[in-house]
Amino acid sequence: MTSETDVLAFFRDNLPEQGTLTGKRIPLNLDDVLQDYTDLDDIMYAIDKFEKKYLIEVETANYFPWTQTWFFRKWFTKTSVTQISKPLTVRMFAEAVTAGKWIHD
């Protein structure tokens, strides 16, 4: 049985690590929204590897398109961006591994 930490380690290994302007690393966590963490191409590449490794077909239609926000936006406005798609997190992938199939709509 694969634990949440194993799935998190998988995504940390397969997604580029993010950082701040001062060089501080921002590690990926279980509940981080993947669409906000990195680019679509990187996410799709990681999902493809996930499907091959864990033999789970991930249904991504409900999670894209996603409006990525400008990095400095939080300093200029407090209003949040209204997304038309659902957030995708590492925890969702860990739950799918535990269930043996993609359980989120």
PDB file of N, CA and C in Angstrom:
ATOM      1  N   MET A   1       0.839  -1.180   0.000  1.00  0.00           N
ATOM      2  CA  MET A   1       0.000   0.000   0.000  1.00  0.00           C
ATOM      3  C   MET A   1       0.888   1.249   0.000  1.00  0.00           C
ATOM      4  N   THR A   2       0.539   2.212  -0.800  1.00  0.00           N
ATOM      5  CA  THR A   2       1.317   3.433  -0.932  1.00  0.00           C
ATOM      6  C   THR A   2       0.751   4.506  -0.006  1.00  0.00           C
ATOM      7  N   SER A   3       1.621   5.147   0.716  1.00  0.00           N
ATOM      8  CA  SER A   3       1.170   6.180   1.645  1.00  0.00           C
ATOM      9  C   SER A   3       1.122   7.544   0.969  1.00  0.00           C
ATOM     10  N   GLU A   4       0.518   8.496   1.666  1.00  0.00           N
ATOM     11  CA  GLU A   4       0.450   9.861   1.158  1.00  0.00           C
ATOM     12  C   GLU A   4       1.848  10.428   0.933  1.00  0.00           C
ATOM     13  N   THR A   5       2.764  10.066   1.814  1.00  0.00           N
ATOM     14  CA  THR A   5       4.133  10.584   1.672  1.00  0.00           C
ATOM     15  C   THR A   5       4.815  10.047   0.425  1.00  0.00           C
ATOM     16  N   ASP A   6       4.494   8.820   0.018  1.00  0.00           N
ATOM     17  CA  ASP A   6       5.061   8.258  -1.211  1.00  0.00           C
ATOM     18  C   ASP A   6       4.543   9.004  -2.437  1.00  0.00           C
ATOM     19  N   VAL A   7       3.256   9.297  -2.461  1.00  0.00           N
ATOM     20  CA  VAL A   7       2.664  10.024  -3.585  1.00  0.00           C
ATOM     21  C   VAL A   7       3.179  11.455  -3.603  1.00  0.00           C
ATOM     22  N   LEU A   8       3.304  12.070  -2.439  1.00  0.00           N
ATOM     23  CA  LEU A   8       3.856  13.420  -2.362  1.00  0.00           C
ATOM     24  C   LEU A   8       5.297  13.431  -2.871  1.00  0.00           C
ATOM     25  N   ALA A   9       6.080  12.455  -2.481  1.00  0.00           N
ATOM     26  CA  ALA A   9       7.464  12.362  -2.960  1.00  0.00           C
ATOM     27  C   ALA A   9       7.496  12.176  -4.474  1.00  0.00           C
ATOM     28  N   PHE A  10       6.565  11.396  -5.011  1.00  0.00           N
ATOM     29  CA  PHE A  10       6.482  11.210  -6.461  1.00  0.00           C
ATOM     30  C   PHE A  10       6.274  12.546  -7.161  1.00  0.00           C
ATOM     31  N   PHE A  11       5.327  13.348  -6.685  1.00  0.00           N
ATOM     32  CA  PHE A  11       5.049  14.635  -7.324  1.00  0.00           C
ATOM     33  C   PHE A  11       6.181  15.632  -7.095  1.00  0.00           C
ATOM     34  N   ARG A  12       6.806  15.592  -5.944  1.00  0.00           N
ATOM     35  CA  ARG A  12       7.958  16.470  -5.717  1.00  0.00           C
ATOM     36  C   ARG A  12       9.102  16.130  -6.670  1.00  0.00           C
ATOM     37  N   ASP A  13       9.245  14.853  -6.992  1.00  0.00           N
ATOM     38  CA  ASP A  13      10.296  14.424  -7.922  1.00  0.00           C
ATOM     39  C   ASP A  13       9.962  14.746  -9.372  1.00  0.00           C
ATOM     40  N   ASN A  14       8.670  14.834  -9.695  1.00  0.00           N
ATOM     41  CA  ASN A  14       8.260  14.990 -11.085  1.00  0.00           C
ATOM     42  C   ASN A  14       7.746  16.379 -11.458  1.00  0.00           C
ATOM     43  N   LEU A  15       7.703  17.285 -10.497  1.00  0.00           N
ATOM     44  CA  LEU A  15       7.318  18.671 -10.780  1.00  0.00           C
ATOM     45  C   LEU A  15       8.485  19.582 -10.413  1.00  0.00           C
ATOM     46  N   PRO A  16       8.673  20.659 -11.160  1.00  0.00           N
ATOM     47  CA  PRO A  16       9.757  21.577 -10.810  1.00  0.00           C
ATOM     48  C   PRO A  16       9.479  22.252  -9.470  1.00  0.00           C
ATOM     49  N   GLU A  17      10.535  22.404  -8.672  1.00  0.00           N
ATOM     50  CA  GLU A  17      10.387  23.046  -7.375  1.00  0.00           C
ATOM     51  C   GLU A  17      10.247  24.548  -7.555  1.00  0.00           C
ATOM     52  N   GLN A  18       9.354  25.142  -6.804  1.00  0.00           N
ATOM     53  CA  GLN A  18       9.111  26.571  -6.893  1.00  0.00           C
ATOM     54  C   GLN A  18       9.931  27.306  -5.831  1.00  0.00           C
ATOM     55  N   GLY A  19      10.082  28.598  -6.021  1.00  0.00           N
ATOM     56  CA  GLY A  19      10.833  29.395  -5.062  1.00  0.00           C
ATOM     57  C   GLY A  19      10.359  30.833  -5.058  1.00  0.00           C
ATOM     58  N   THR A  20      10.813  31.579  -4.067  1.00  0.00           N
ATOM     59  CA  THR A  20      10.482  32.993  -3.959  1.00  0.00           C
ATOM     60  C   THR A  20      11.537  33.813  -4.702  1.00  0.00           C
ATOM     61  N   LEU A  21      11.329  35.102  -4.784  1.00  0.00           N
ATOM     62  CA  LEU A  21      12.300  35.985  -5.434  1.00  0.00           C
ATOM     63  C   LEU A  21      13.625  36.029  -4.680  1.00  0.00           C
ATOM     64  N   THR A  22      13.595  35.736  -3.387  1.00  0.00           N
ATOM     65  CA  THR A  22      14.816  35.757  -2.590  1.00  0.00           C
ATOM     66  C   THR A  22      15.530  34.413  -2.597  1.00  0.00           C
ATOM     67  N   GLY A  23      15.005  33.440  -3.326  1.00  0.00           N
ATOM     68  CA  GLY A  23      15.649  32.136  -3.438  1.00  0.00           C
ATOM     69  C   GLY A  23      15.188  31.105  -2.427  1.00  0.00           C
ATOM     70  N   LYS A  24      14.214  31.454  -1.597  1.00  0.00           N
ATOM     71  CA  LYS A  24      13.684  30.491  -0.628  1.00  0.00           C
ATOM     72  C   LYS A  24      12.833  29.462  -1.364  1.00  0.00           C
ATOM     73  N   ARG A  25      13.058  28.202  -1.088  1.00  0.00           N
ATOM     74  CA  ARG A  25      12.305  27.130  -1.738  1.00  0.00           C
ATOM     75  C   ARG A  25      10.894  27.031  -1.182  1.00  0.00           C
ATOM     76  N   ILE A  26       9.963  26.691  -2.087  1.00  0.00           N
ATOM     77  CA  ILE A  26       8.565  26.474  -1.701  1.00  0.00           C
ATOM     78  C   ILE A  26       8.238  25.016  -2.021  1.00  0.00           C
ATOM     79  N   PRO A  27       8.347  24.122  -1.026  1.00  0.00           N
ATOM     80  CA  PRO A  27       8.078  22.715  -1.293  1.00  0.00           C
ATOM     81  C   PRO A  27       6.595  22.457  -1.531  1.00  0.00           C
ATOM     82  N   LEU A  28       6.316  21.505  -2.390  1.00  0.00           N
ATOM     83  CA  LEU A  28       4.946  21.091  -2.670  1.00  0.00           C
ATOM     84  C   LEU A  28       4.399  20.343  -1.466  1.00  0.00           C
ATOM     85  N   ASN A  29       3.156  20.652  -1.071  1.00  0.00           N
ATOM     86  CA  ASN A  29       2.483  19.980   0.038  1.00  0.00           C
ATOM     87  C   ASN A  29       1.241  19.260  -0.468  1.00  0.00           C
ATOM     88  N   LEU A  30       0.672  18.399   0.368  1.00  0.00           N
ATOM     89  CA  LEU A  30      -0.470  17.573  -0.021  1.00  0.00           C
ATOM     90  C   LEU A  30      -1.668  18.382  -0.509  1.00  0.00           C
ATOM     91  N   ASP A  31      -1.939  19.517   0.107  1.00  0.00           N
ATOM     92  CA  ASP A  31      -3.146  20.268  -0.218  1.00  0.00           C
ATOM     93  C   ASP A  31      -2.895  21.491  -1.103  1.00  0.00           C
ATOM     94  N   ASP A  32      -1.692  21.618  -1.639  1.00  0.00           N
ATOM     95  CA  ASP A  32      -1.419  22.706  -2.580  1.00  0.00           C
ATOM     96  C   ASP A  32      -2.169  22.450  -3.882  1.00  0.00           C
ATOM     97  N   VAL A  33      -2.704  23.515  -4.458  1.00  0.00           N
ATOM     98  CA  VAL A  33      -3.404  23.402  -5.738  1.00  0.00           C
ATOM     99  C   VAL A  33      -2.355  23.309  -6.835  1.00  0.00           C
ATOM    100  N   LEU A  34      -2.331  22.184  -7.518  1.00  0.00           N
ATOM    101  CA  LEU A  34      -1.305  21.953  -8.542  1.00  0.00           C
ATOM    102  C   LEU A  34      -1.359  22.986  -9.652  1.00  0.00           C
ATOM    103  N   GLN A  35      -2.557  23.413 -10.032  1.00  0.00           N
ATOM    104  CA  GLN A  35      -2.695  24.389 -11.113  1.00  0.00           C
ATOM    105  C   GLN A  35      -2.059  25.735 -10.738  1.00  0.00           C
ATOM    106  N   ASP A  36      -2.011  26.059  -9.451  1.00  0.00           N
ATOM    107  CA  ASP A  36      -1.364  27.290  -9.007  1.00  0.00           C
ATOM    108  C   ASP A  36       0.130  27.084  -8.752  1.00  0.00           C
ATOM    109  N   TYR A  37       0.522  25.859  -8.499  1.00  0.00           N
ATOM    110  CA  TYR A  37       1.912  25.568  -8.136  1.00  0.00           C
ATOM    111  C   TYR A  37       2.852  25.593  -9.338  1.00  0.00           C
ATOM    112  N   THR A  38       2.393  25.075 -10.479  1.00  0.00           N
ATOM    113  CA  THR A  38       3.276  24.982 -11.641  1.00  0.00           C
ATOM    114  C   THR A  38       2.483  25.067 -12.940  1.00  0.00           C
ATOM    115  N   ASP A  39       3.181  25.027 -14.049  1.00  0.00           N
ATOM    116  CA  ASP A  39       2.566  25.166 -15.372  1.00  0.00           C
ATOM    117  C   ASP A  39       1.798  23.911 -15.781  1.00  0.00           C
ATOM    118  N   LEU A  40       0.845  24.106 -16.673  1.00  0.00           N
ATOM    119  CA  LEU A  40       0.005  23.019 -17.176  1.00  0.00           C
ATOM    120  C   LEU A  40       0.836  21.902 -17.792  1.00  0.00           C
ATOM    121  N   ASP A  41       1.842  22.233 -18.579  1.00  0.00           N
ATOM    122  CA  ASP A  41       2.668  21.204 -19.215  1.00  0.00           C
ATOM    123  C   ASP A  41       3.332  20.306 -18.183  1.00  0.00           C
ATOM    124  N   ASP A  42       3.845  20.908 -17.114  1.00  0.00           N
ATOM    125  CA  ASP A  42       4.494  20.122 -16.057  1.00  0.00           C
ATOM    126  C   ASP A  42       3.497  19.215 -15.345  1.00  0.00           C
ATOM    127  N   ILE A  43       2.294  19.730 -15.109  1.00  0.00           N
ATOM    128  CA  ILE A  43       1.258  18.933 -14.436  1.00  0.00           C
ATOM    129  C   ILE A  43       0.865  17.735 -15.306  1.00  0.00           C
ATOM    130  N   MET A  44       0.634  17.983 -16.581  1.00  0.00           N
ATOM    131  CA  MET A  44       0.205  16.904 -17.472  1.00  0.00           C
ATOM    132  C   MET A  44       1.297  15.837 -17.610  1.00  0.00           C
ATOM    133  N   TYR A  45       2.546  16.247 -17.655  1.00  0.00           N
ATOM    134  CA  TYR A  45       3.663  15.306 -17.712  1.00  0.00           C
ATOM    135  C   TYR A  45       3.682  14.438 -16.451  1.00  0.00           C
ATOM    136  N   ALA A  46       3.500  15.059 -15.283  1.00  0.00           N
ATOM    137  CA  ALA A  46       3.493  14.322 -14.020  1.00  0.00           C
ATOM    138  C   ALA A  46       2.289  13.379 -13.933  1.00  0.00           C
ATOM    139  N   ILE A  47       1.129  13.827 -14.406  1.00  0.00           N
ATOM    140  CA  ILE A  47      -0.067  12.976 -14.385  1.00  0.00           C
ATOM    141  C   ILE A  47       0.140  11.761 -15.291  1.00  0.00           C
ATOM    142  N   ASP A  48       0.749  11.974 -16.440  1.00  0.00           N
ATOM    143  CA  ASP A  48       1.032  10.862 -17.353  1.00  0.00           C
ATOM    144  C   ASP A  48       1.935   9.828 -16.685  1.00  0.00           C
ATOM    145  N   LYS A  49       2.971  10.278 -16.010  1.00  0.00           N
ATOM    146  CA  LYS A  49       3.871   9.360 -15.297  1.00  0.00           C
ATOM    147  C   LYS A  49       3.143   8.675 -14.143  1.00  0.00           C
ATOM    148  N   PHE A  50       2.262   9.427 -13.455  1.00  0.00           N
ATOM    149  CA  PHE A  50       1.472   8.869 -12.356  1.00  0.00           C
ATOM    150  C   PHE A  50       0.593   7.726 -12.862  1.00  0.00           C
ATOM    151  N   GLU A  51      -0.091   7.960 -13.988  1.00  0.00           N
ATOM    152  CA  GLU A  51      -0.979   6.937 -14.554  1.00  0.00           C
ATOM    153  C   GLU A  51      -0.214   5.670 -14.904  1.00  0.00           C
ATOM    154  N   LYS A  52       0.978   5.816 -15.422  1.00  0.00           N
ATOM    155  CA  LYS A  52       1.781   4.647 -15.789  1.00  0.00           C
ATOM    156  C   LYS A  52       2.324   3.916 -14.557  1.00  0.00           C
ATOM    157  N   LYS A  53       2.720   4.668 -13.554  1.00  0.00           N
ATOM    158  CA  LYS A  53       3.290   4.052 -12.358  1.00  0.00           C
ATOM    159  C   LYS A  53       2.237   3.347 -11.514  1.00  0.00           C
ATOM    160  N   TYR A  54       1.094   4.000 -11.297  1.00  0.00           N
ATOM    161  CA  TYR A  54       0.079   3.469 -10.383  1.00  0.00           C
ATOM    162  C   TYR A  54      -1.086   2.784 -11.100  1.00  0.00           C
ATOM    163  N   LEU A  55      -1.062   2.791 -12.440  1.00  0.00           N
ATOM    164  CA  LEU A  55      -2.108   2.150 -13.249  1.00  0.00           C
ATOM    165  C   LEU A  55      -3.501   2.688 -12.907  1.00  0.00           C
ATOM    166  N   ILE A  56      -3.579   3.992 -12.769  1.00  0.00           N
ATOM    167  CA  ILE A  56      -4.839   4.680 -12.479  1.00  0.00           C
ATOM    168  C   ILE A  56      -5.054   5.729 -13.554  1.00  0.00           C
ATOM    169  N   GLU A  57      -6.199   5.676 -14.220  1.00  0.00           N
ATOM    170  CA  GLU A  57      -6.523   6.668 -15.238  1.00  0.00           C
ATOM    171  C   GLU A  57      -7.158   7.880 -14.560  1.00  0.00           C
ATOM    172  N   VAL A  58      -6.535   9.030 -14.734  1.00  0.00           N
ATOM    173  CA  VAL A  58      -6.989  10.263 -14.100  1.00  0.00           C
ATOM    174  C   VAL A  58      -7.876  11.031 -15.071  1.00  0.00           C
ATOM    175  N   GLU A  59      -9.071  11.394 -14.621  1.00  0.00           N
ATOM    176  CA  GLU A  59     -10.000  12.181 -15.424  1.00  0.00           C
ATOM    177  C   GLU A  59      -9.729  13.653 -15.146  1.00  0.00           C
ATOM    178  N   THR A  60      -9.141  14.367 -16.108  1.00  0.00           N
ATOM    179  CA  THR A  60      -8.717  15.751 -15.886  1.00  0.00           C
ATOM    180  C   THR A  60      -9.671  16.802 -16.440  1.00  0.00           C
ATOM    181  N   ALA A  61     -10.733  16.407 -17.081  1.00  0.00           N
ATOM    182  CA  ALA A  61     -11.631  17.365 -17.745  1.00  0.00           C
ATOM    183  C   ALA A  61     -12.206  18.406 -16.794  1.00  0.00           C
ATOM    184  N   ASN A  62     -12.475  18.041 -15.551  1.00  0.00           N
ATOM    185  CA  ASN A  62     -13.083  18.968 -14.598  1.00  0.00           C
ATOM    186  C   ASN A  62     -12.085  19.941 -13.969  1.00  0.00           C
ATOM    187  N   TYR A  63     -10.786  19.774 -14.252  1.00  0.00           N
ATOM    188  CA  TYR A  63      -9.753  20.549 -13.574  1.00  0.00           C
ATOM    189  C   TYR A  63      -9.057  21.570 -14.473  1.00  0.00           C
ATOM    190  N   PHE A  64      -9.408  21.579 -15.730  1.00  0.00           N
ATOM    191  CA  PHE A  64      -8.822  22.535 -16.679  1.00  0.00           C
ATOM    192  C   PHE A  64      -9.923  23.052 -17.578  1.00  0.00           C
ATOM    193  N   PRO A  65      -9.936  24.273 -18.051  1.00  0.00           N
ATOM    194  CA  PRO A  65      -8.867  25.265 -17.956  1.00  0.00           C
ATOM    195  C   PRO A  65      -8.791  25.890 -16.569  1.00  0.00           C
ATOM    196  N   TRP A  66      -7.649  26.474 -16.272  1.00  0.00           N
ATOM    197  CA  TRP A  66      -7.392  27.090 -14.982  1.00  0.00           C
ATOM    198  C   TRP A  66      -6.753  28.452 -15.226  1.00  0.00           C
ATOM    199  N   THR A  67      -7.261  29.475 -14.560  1.00  0.00           N
ATOM    200  CA  THR A  67      -6.693  30.809 -14.705  1.00  0.00           C
ATOM    201  C   THR A  67      -5.558  30.971 -13.710  1.00  0.00           C
ATOM    202  N   GLN A  68      -4.331  31.042 -14.226  1.00  0.00           N
ATOM    203  CA  GLN A  68      -3.191  31.247 -13.336  1.00  0.00           C
ATOM    204  C   GLN A  68      -3.078  32.726 -13.008  1.00  0.00           C
ATOM    205  N   THR A  69      -2.834  33.002 -11.750  1.00  0.00           N
ATOM    206  CA  THR A  69      -2.765  34.382 -11.299  1.00  0.00           C
ATOM    207  C   THR A  69      -1.345  34.918 -11.399  1.00  0.00           C
ATOM    208  N   TRP A  70      -1.254  36.202 -11.567  1.00  0.00           N
ATOM    209  CA  TRP A  70       0.018  36.888 -11.621  1.00  0.00           C
ATOM    210  C   TRP A  70       0.676  36.816 -10.250  1.00  0.00           C
ATOM    211  N   PHE A  71       1.981  36.550 -10.183  1.00  0.00           N
ATOM    212  CA  PHE A  71       2.697  36.376  -8.926  1.00  0.00           C
ATOM    213  C   PHE A  71       2.498  37.562  -7.976  1.00  0.00           C
ATOM    214  N   PHE A  72       2.542  38.788  -8.485  1.00  0.00           N
ATOM    215  CA  PHE A  72       2.463  39.983  -7.652  1.00  0.00           C
ATOM    216  C   PHE A  72       1.031  40.424  -7.350  1.00  0.00           C
ATOM    217  N   ARG A  73       0.045  39.693  -7.859  1.00  0.00           N
ATOM    218  CA  ARG A  73      -1.360  40.076  -7.714  1.00  0.00           C
ATOM    219  C   ARG A  73      -1.764  40.267  -6.255  1.00  0.00           C
ATOM    220  N   LYS A  74      -1.275  39.421  -5.371  1.00  0.00           N
ATOM    221  CA  LYS A  74      -1.667  39.474  -3.961  1.00  0.00           C
ATOM    222  C   LYS A  74      -1.279  40.787  -3.283  1.00  0.00           C
ATOM    223  N   TRP A  75      -0.329  41.526  -3.856  1.00  0.00           N
ATOM    224  CA  TRP A  75       0.079  42.797  -3.276  1.00  0.00           C
ATOM    225  C   TRP A  75      -0.769  43.955  -3.784  1.00  0.00           C
ATOM    226  N   PHE A  76      -1.543  43.739  -4.834  1.00  0.00           N
ATOM    227  CA  PHE A  76      -2.314  44.815  -5.434  1.00  0.00           C
ATOM    228  C   PHE A  76      -3.816  44.697  -5.217  1.00  0.00           C
ATOM    229  N   THR A  77      -4.290  43.493  -4.913  1.00  0.00           N
ATOM    230  CA  THR A  77      -5.725  43.314  -4.704  1.00  0.00           C
ATOM    231  C   THR A  77      -5.976  42.136  -3.769  1.00  0.00           C
ATOM    232  N   LYS A  78      -7.033  42.208  -3.025  1.00  0.00           N
ATOM    233  CA  LYS A  78      -7.414  41.130  -2.106  1.00  0.00           C
ATOM    234  C   LYS A  78      -8.496  40.233  -2.716  1.00  0.00           C
ATOM    235  N   THR A  79      -9.082  40.652  -3.837  1.00  0.00           N
ATOM    236  CA  THR A  79     -10.135  39.855  -4.451  1.00  0.00           C
ATOM    237  C   THR A  79      -9.538  38.612  -5.093  1.00  0.00           C
ATOM    238  N   SER A  80     -10.203  37.507  -4.945  1.00  0.00           N
ATOM    239  CA  SER A  80      -9.708  36.258  -5.514  1.00  0.00           C
ATOM    240  C   SER A  80     -10.201  36.095  -6.950  1.00  0.00           C
ATOM    241  N   VAL A  81      -9.486  35.292  -7.692  1.00  0.00           N
ATOM    242  CA  VAL A  81      -9.856  34.992  -9.069  1.00  0.00           C
ATOM    243  C   VAL A  81     -10.937  33.921  -9.045  1.00  0.00           C
ATOM    244  N   THR A  82     -11.993  34.112  -9.789  1.00  0.00           N
ATOM    245  CA  THR A  82     -13.056  33.122  -9.878  1.00  0.00           C
ATOM    246  C   THR A  82     -12.658  32.061 -10.904  1.00  0.00           C
ATOM    247  N   GLN A  83     -12.511  30.843 -10.429  1.00  0.00           N
ATOM    248  CA  GLN A  83     -12.119  29.740 -11.302  1.00  0.00           C
ATOM    249  C   GLN A  83     -13.368  29.014 -11.805  1.00  0.00           C
ATOM    250  N   ILE A  84     -13.307  28.514 -13.034  1.00  0.00           N
ATOM    251  CA  ILE A  84     -14.426  27.743 -13.571  1.00  0.00           C
ATOM    252  C   ILE A  84     -14.174  26.239 -13.439  1.00  0.00           C
ATOM    253  N   SER A  85     -12.973  25.883 -13.008  1.00  0.00           N
ATOM    254  CA  SER A  85     -12.603  24.476 -12.842  1.00  0.00           C
ATOM    255  C   SER A  85     -12.282  24.186 -11.379  1.00  0.00           C
ATOM    256  N   LYS A  86     -12.267  22.918 -11.046  1.00  0.00           N
ATOM    257  CA  LYS A  86     -11.995  22.496  -9.673  1.00  0.00           C
ATOM    258  C   LYS A  86     -10.489  22.429  -9.419  1.00  0.00           C
ATOM    259  N   PRO A  87     -10.068  22.639  -8.167  1.00  0.00           N
ATOM    260  CA  PRO A  87      -8.648  22.516  -7.850  1.00  0.00           C
ATOM    261  C   PRO A  87      -8.216  21.049  -7.807  1.00  0.00           C
ATOM    262  N   LEU A  88      -6.988  20.814  -8.188  1.00  0.00           N
ATOM    263  CA  LEU A  88      -6.402  19.476  -8.224  1.00  0.00           C
ATOM    264  C   LEU A  88      -5.245  19.454  -7.235  1.00  0.00           C
ATOM    265  N   THR A  89      -5.280  18.520  -6.269  1.00  0.00           N
ATOM    266  CA  THR A  89      -4.246  18.467  -5.237  1.00  0.00           C
ATOM    267  C   THR A  89      -3.570  17.102  -5.209  1.00  0.00           C
ATOM    268  N   VAL A  90      -2.415  17.050  -4.573  1.00  0.00           N
ATOM    269  CA  VAL A  90      -1.690  15.789  -4.423  1.00  0.00           C
ATOM    270  C   VAL A  90      -2.503  14.818  -3.566  1.00  0.00           C
ATOM    271  N   ARG A  91      -3.215  15.340  -2.582  1.00  0.00           N
ATOM    272  CA  ARG A  91      -4.035  14.482  -1.711  1.00  0.00           C
ATOM    273  C   ARG A  91      -5.057  13.685  -2.541  1.00  0.00           C
ATOM    274  N   MET A  92      -5.591  14.294  -3.587  1.00  0.00           N
ATOM    275  CA  MET A  92      -6.555  13.604  -4.444  1.00  0.00           C
ATOM    276  C   MET A  92      -5.898  12.390  -5.113  1.00  0.00           C
ATOM    277  N   PHE A  93      -4.659  12.553  -5.519  1.00  0.00           N
ATOM    278  CA  PHE A  93      -3.936  11.439  -6.135  1.00  0.00           C
ATOM    279  C   PHE A  93      -3.632  10.356  -5.108  1.00  0.00           C
ATOM    280  N   ALA A  94      -3.289  10.748  -3.890  1.00  0.00           N
ATOM    281  CA  ALA A  94      -3.026   9.781  -2.822  1.00  0.00           C
ATOM    282  C   ALA A  94      -4.283   8.986  -2.489  1.00  0.00           C
ATOM    283  N   GLU A  95      -5.421   9.663  -2.452  1.00  0.00           N
ATOM    284  CA  GLU A  95      -6.691   8.969  -2.194  1.00  0.00           C
ATOM    285  C   GLU A  95      -7.024   8.011  -3.328  1.00  0.00           C
ATOM    286  N   ALA A  96      -6.697   8.385  -4.544  1.00  0.00           N
ATOM    287  CA  ALA A  96      -6.944   7.511  -5.692  1.00  0.00           C
ATOM    288  C   ALA A  96      -6.082   6.252  -5.621  1.00  0.00           C
ATOM    289  N   VAL A  97      -4.851   6.409  -5.182  1.00  0.00           N
ATOM    290  CA  VAL A  97      -3.964   5.245  -5.042  1.00  0.00           C
ATOM    291  C   VAL A  97      -4.514   4.306  -3.976  1.00  0.00           C
ATOM    292  N   THR A  98      -4.987   4.855  -2.881  1.00  0.00           N
ATOM    293  CA  THR A  98      -5.567   4.047  -1.807  1.00  0.00           C
ATOM    294  C   THR A  98      -6.802   3.299  -2.312  1.00  0.00           C
ATOM    295  N   ALA A  99      -7.638   3.979  -3.099  1.00  0.00           N
ATOM    296  CA  ALA A  99      -8.865   3.351  -3.615  1.00  0.00           C
ATOM    297  C   ALA A  99      -8.603   2.453  -4.824  1.00  0.00           C
ATOM    298  N   GLY A 100      -7.480   2.651  -5.492  1.00  0.00           N
ATOM    299  CA  GLY A 100      -7.167   1.836  -6.683  1.00  0.00           C
ATOM    300  C   GLY A 100      -7.766   2.362  -7.968  1.00  0.00           C
ATOM    301  N   LYS A 101      -8.391   3.537  -7.897  1.00  0.00           N
ATOM    302  CA  LYS A 101      -8.972   4.157  -9.088  1.00  0.00           C
ATOM    303  C   LYS A 101      -9.195   5.631  -8.794  1.00  0.00           C
ATOM    304  N   TRP A 102      -9.430   6.428  -9.849  1.00  0.00           N
ATOM    305  CA  TRP A 102      -9.698   7.844  -9.672  1.00  0.00           C
ATOM    306  C   TRP A 102     -11.095   8.009  -9.099  1.00  0.00           C
ATOM    307  N   ILE A 103     -11.207   8.601  -7.924  1.00  0.00           N
ATOM    308  CA  ILE A 103     -12.503   8.661  -7.227  1.00  0.00           C
ATOM    309  C   ILE A 103     -13.101  10.060  -7.234  1.00  0.00           C
ATOM    310  N   HIS A 104     -12.434  11.010  -7.829  1.00  0.00           N
ATOM    311  CA  HIS A 104     -12.932  12.382  -7.850  1.00  0.00           C
ATOM    312  C   HIS A 104     -13.552  12.671  -9.212  1.00  0.00           C
ATOM    313  N   ASP A 105     -14.583  13.502  -9.213  1.00  0.00           N
ATOM    314  CA  ASP A 105     -15.247  13.816 -10.489  1.00  0.00           C
ATOM    315  C   ASP A 105     -14.620  14.987 -11.178  1.00  0.00           C
TER     316      ASP A 105
END
